[in-house]
């Protein structure tokens, strides 16, 4: 299954930490276009897609549950 977030395609074996992911992609135009109040949550969503994880673990620098639609 292809791992894509808003036009960004991630390698199937992407396995970097959330902090590395954030450092690499957090300052790209895709994320800078998101208001700062929502940027961290969007980075976490993208990280979950990139890694195939269902949540960012404490080992990855933070703990967050997957987003749910209401």
N, C-alpha and C. Protein backbone atom coordinates (compact mmCIF):
# COMPACT_ATOMS: atom_id res chain seq x y z
N UNK A 1 0.84 -1.18 0.00
CA UNK A 1 0.00 0.00 0.00
C UNK A 1 0.89 1.25 0.00
N UNK A 2 0.58 2.16 -0.88
CA UNK A 2 1.37 3.38 -0.97
C UNK A 2 1.05 4.29 0.21
N UNK A 3 2.08 4.89 0.79
CA UNK A 3 1.92 5.78 1.93
C UNK A 3 2.07 7.22 1.47
N UNK A 4 0.93 7.92 1.38
CA UNK A 4 0.91 9.28 0.84
C UNK A 4 0.15 10.19 1.79
N UNK A 5 0.71 11.37 2.02
CA UNK A 5 0.06 12.40 2.83
C UNK A 5 0.15 13.70 2.05
N UNK A 6 -1.00 14.23 1.63
CA UNK A 6 -1.09 15.51 0.92
C UNK A 6 -0.02 15.65 -0.17
N UNK A 7 0.09 14.63 -1.00
CA UNK A 7 1.02 14.68 -2.11
C UNK A 7 2.44 14.24 -1.80
N UNK A 8 2.75 13.97 -0.55
CA UNK A 8 4.08 13.49 -0.16
C UNK A 8 4.02 11.97 -0.11
N UNK A 9 4.85 11.31 -0.90
CA UNK A 9 4.90 9.85 -0.90
C UNK A 9 6.09 9.40 -0.08
N UNK A 10 5.84 8.52 0.88
CA UNK A 10 6.88 8.01 1.77
C UNK A 10 7.31 6.61 1.34
N UNK A 11 8.57 6.30 1.60
CA UNK A 11 9.09 4.97 1.31
C UNK A 11 8.37 3.94 2.18
N UNK A 12 8.16 2.76 1.64
CA UNK A 12 7.46 1.70 2.37
C UNK A 12 8.19 1.33 3.68
N UNK A 13 9.49 1.46 3.69
CA UNK A 13 10.27 1.07 4.87
C UNK A 13 10.67 2.25 5.75
N UNK A 14 9.97 3.38 5.64
CA UNK A 14 10.30 4.56 6.45
C UNK A 14 10.17 4.21 7.92
N UNK A 15 11.25 4.44 8.69
CA UNK A 15 11.22 4.04 10.09
C UNK A 15 12.01 4.98 11.00
N UNK A 16 12.13 6.23 10.64
CA UNK A 16 12.84 7.18 11.48
C UNK A 16 11.97 7.58 12.66
N UNK A 17 12.60 8.17 13.66
CA UNK A 17 11.85 8.63 14.84
C UNK A 17 11.01 9.85 14.47
N UNK A 18 10.02 10.13 15.31
CA UNK A 18 9.18 11.30 15.08
C UNK A 18 10.01 12.58 15.09
N UNK A 19 10.97 12.66 15.99
CA UNK A 19 11.82 13.86 16.05
C UNK A 19 12.61 14.05 14.75
N UNK A 20 13.13 12.97 14.19
CA UNK A 20 13.84 13.06 12.91
C UNK A 20 12.88 13.46 11.78
N UNK A 21 11.71 12.86 11.79
CA UNK A 21 10.68 13.18 10.80
C UNK A 21 10.33 14.66 10.86
N UNK A 22 10.10 15.14 12.07
CA UNK A 22 9.73 16.55 12.29
C UNK A 22 10.85 17.48 11.83
N UNK A 23 12.09 17.12 12.12
CA UNK A 23 13.23 17.95 11.70
C UNK A 23 13.36 17.98 10.18
N UNK A 24 13.11 16.86 9.53
CA UNK A 24 13.23 16.77 8.07
C UNK A 24 12.11 17.48 7.34
N UNK A 25 10.89 17.32 7.82
CA UNK A 25 9.74 17.79 7.05
C UNK A 25 8.99 18.96 7.66
N UNK A 26 9.21 19.25 8.92
CA UNK A 26 8.45 20.29 9.61
C UNK A 26 8.59 21.68 9.03
N UNK A 27 9.67 21.93 8.33
CA UNK A 27 9.86 23.27 7.77
C UNK A 27 9.63 23.32 6.25
N UNK A 28 9.03 22.27 5.70
CA UNK A 28 8.72 22.29 4.27
C UNK A 28 7.46 23.11 4.03
N UNK A 29 7.28 23.56 2.80
CA UNK A 29 6.13 24.40 2.47
C UNK A 29 4.81 23.71 2.78
N UNK A 30 4.79 22.38 2.67
CA UNK A 30 3.55 21.64 2.95
C UNK A 30 3.08 21.84 4.38
N UNK A 31 4.02 21.86 5.31
CA UNK A 31 3.66 22.02 6.72
C UNK A 31 3.65 23.47 7.17
N UNK A 32 4.48 24.30 6.57
CA UNK A 32 4.47 25.71 6.94
C UNK A 32 3.18 26.39 6.52
N UNK A 33 2.49 25.82 5.56
CA UNK A 33 1.20 26.37 5.12
C UNK A 33 0.09 26.11 6.14
N UNK A 34 0.34 25.20 7.07
CA UNK A 34 -0.64 24.85 8.10
C UNK A 34 -0.45 25.80 9.28
N UNK A 35 -1.52 26.36 9.82
CA UNK A 35 -1.39 27.25 10.98
C UNK A 35 -0.62 26.55 12.10
N UNK A 36 0.23 27.30 12.78
CA UNK A 36 1.12 26.71 13.79
C UNK A 36 0.37 25.95 14.87
N UNK A 37 -0.84 26.37 15.19
CA UNK A 37 -1.62 25.69 16.23
C UNK A 37 -2.01 24.27 15.82
N UNK A 38 -2.07 24.01 14.52
CA UNK A 38 -2.48 22.69 14.01
C UNK A 38 -1.31 21.91 13.42
N UNK A 39 -0.17 22.55 13.27
CA UNK A 39 0.95 21.93 12.56
C UNK A 39 1.45 20.66 13.24
N UNK A 40 1.60 20.68 14.56
CA UNK A 40 2.11 19.50 15.28
C UNK A 40 1.18 18.30 15.07
N UNK A 41 -0.12 18.52 15.15
CA UNK A 41 -1.08 17.43 14.94
C UNK A 41 -0.98 16.88 13.51
N UNK A 42 -0.80 17.76 12.54
CA UNK A 42 -0.68 17.32 11.15
C UNK A 42 0.63 16.57 10.93
N UNK A 43 1.70 17.02 11.59
CA UNK A 43 2.97 16.29 11.50
C UNK A 43 2.80 14.88 12.05
N UNK A 44 2.07 14.76 13.14
CA UNK A 44 1.84 13.43 13.74
C UNK A 44 1.01 12.55 12.82
N UNK A 45 0.00 13.13 12.18
CA UNK A 45 -0.81 12.36 11.22
C UNK A 45 0.07 11.86 10.07
N UNK A 46 0.89 12.76 9.54
CA UNK A 46 1.76 12.39 8.43
C UNK A 46 2.76 11.33 8.86
N UNK A 47 3.28 11.44 10.08
CA UNK A 47 4.23 10.46 10.59
C UNK A 47 3.58 9.09 10.71
N UNK A 48 2.35 9.06 11.17
CA UNK A 48 1.62 7.79 11.29
C UNK A 48 1.44 7.15 9.92
N UNK A 49 1.16 7.95 8.91
CA UNK A 49 1.03 7.44 7.56
C UNK A 49 2.39 6.95 7.05
N UNK A 50 3.43 7.73 7.27
CA UNK A 50 4.77 7.40 6.78
C UNK A 50 5.30 6.10 7.38
N UNK A 51 5.03 5.88 8.65
CA UNK A 51 5.59 4.72 9.33
C UNK A 51 4.62 3.54 9.42
N UNK A 52 3.35 3.79 9.17
CA UNK A 52 2.36 2.74 9.30
C UNK A 52 1.96 2.48 10.74
N UNK A 53 2.43 3.33 11.65
CA UNK A 53 2.07 3.20 13.07
C UNK A 53 0.69 3.79 13.29
N UNK A 54 0.01 3.31 14.33
CA UNK A 54 -1.31 3.85 14.64
C UNK A 54 -1.24 5.01 15.61
N UNK A 55 -0.07 5.23 16.22
CA UNK A 55 0.12 6.39 17.09
C UNK A 55 1.60 6.65 17.25
N UNK A 56 1.93 7.87 17.63
CA UNK A 56 3.31 8.24 17.91
C UNK A 56 3.57 7.83 19.34
N UNK A 57 4.55 6.96 19.55
CA UNK A 57 4.81 6.44 20.89
C UNK A 57 5.68 7.40 21.70
N UNK A 58 5.74 7.17 23.01
CA UNK A 58 6.59 8.00 23.86
C UNK A 58 8.04 7.87 23.43
N UNK A 59 8.43 6.72 22.92
CA UNK A 59 9.80 6.53 22.44
C UNK A 59 10.08 7.43 21.25
N UNK A 60 9.03 7.83 20.55
CA UNK A 60 9.19 8.71 19.40
C UNK A 60 9.08 10.18 19.78
N UNK A 61 9.06 10.46 21.07
CA UNK A 61 9.09 11.84 21.52
C UNK A 61 7.78 12.39 22.02
N UNK A 62 6.69 11.67 21.84
CA UNK A 62 5.40 12.19 22.28
C UNK A 62 4.40 11.04 22.27
N UNK A 63 3.28 11.25 22.83
CA UNK A 63 2.23 10.26 22.81
C UNK A 63 0.97 10.89 22.28
N UNK A 64 0.40 10.27 21.28
CA UNK A 64 -0.82 10.81 20.69
C UNK A 64 -1.66 9.66 20.17
N UNK A 65 -2.96 9.76 20.32
CA UNK A 65 -3.86 8.75 19.76
C UNK A 65 -4.21 9.17 18.34
N UNK A 66 -4.53 8.22 17.51
CA UNK A 66 -4.89 8.57 16.13
C UNK A 66 -6.10 9.50 16.10
N UNK A 67 -6.13 10.34 15.12
CA UNK A 67 -7.24 11.26 14.97
C UNK A 67 -8.50 10.50 14.59
N UNK A 68 -9.62 10.93 15.12
CA UNK A 68 -10.89 10.31 14.77
C UNK A 68 -11.82 11.37 14.25
N UNK A 69 -12.65 10.99 13.29
CA UNK A 69 -13.62 11.95 12.74
C UNK A 69 -14.90 11.86 13.55
N UNK A 70 -15.52 13.00 13.75
CA UNK A 70 -16.79 13.04 14.48
C UNK A 70 -17.94 13.13 13.53
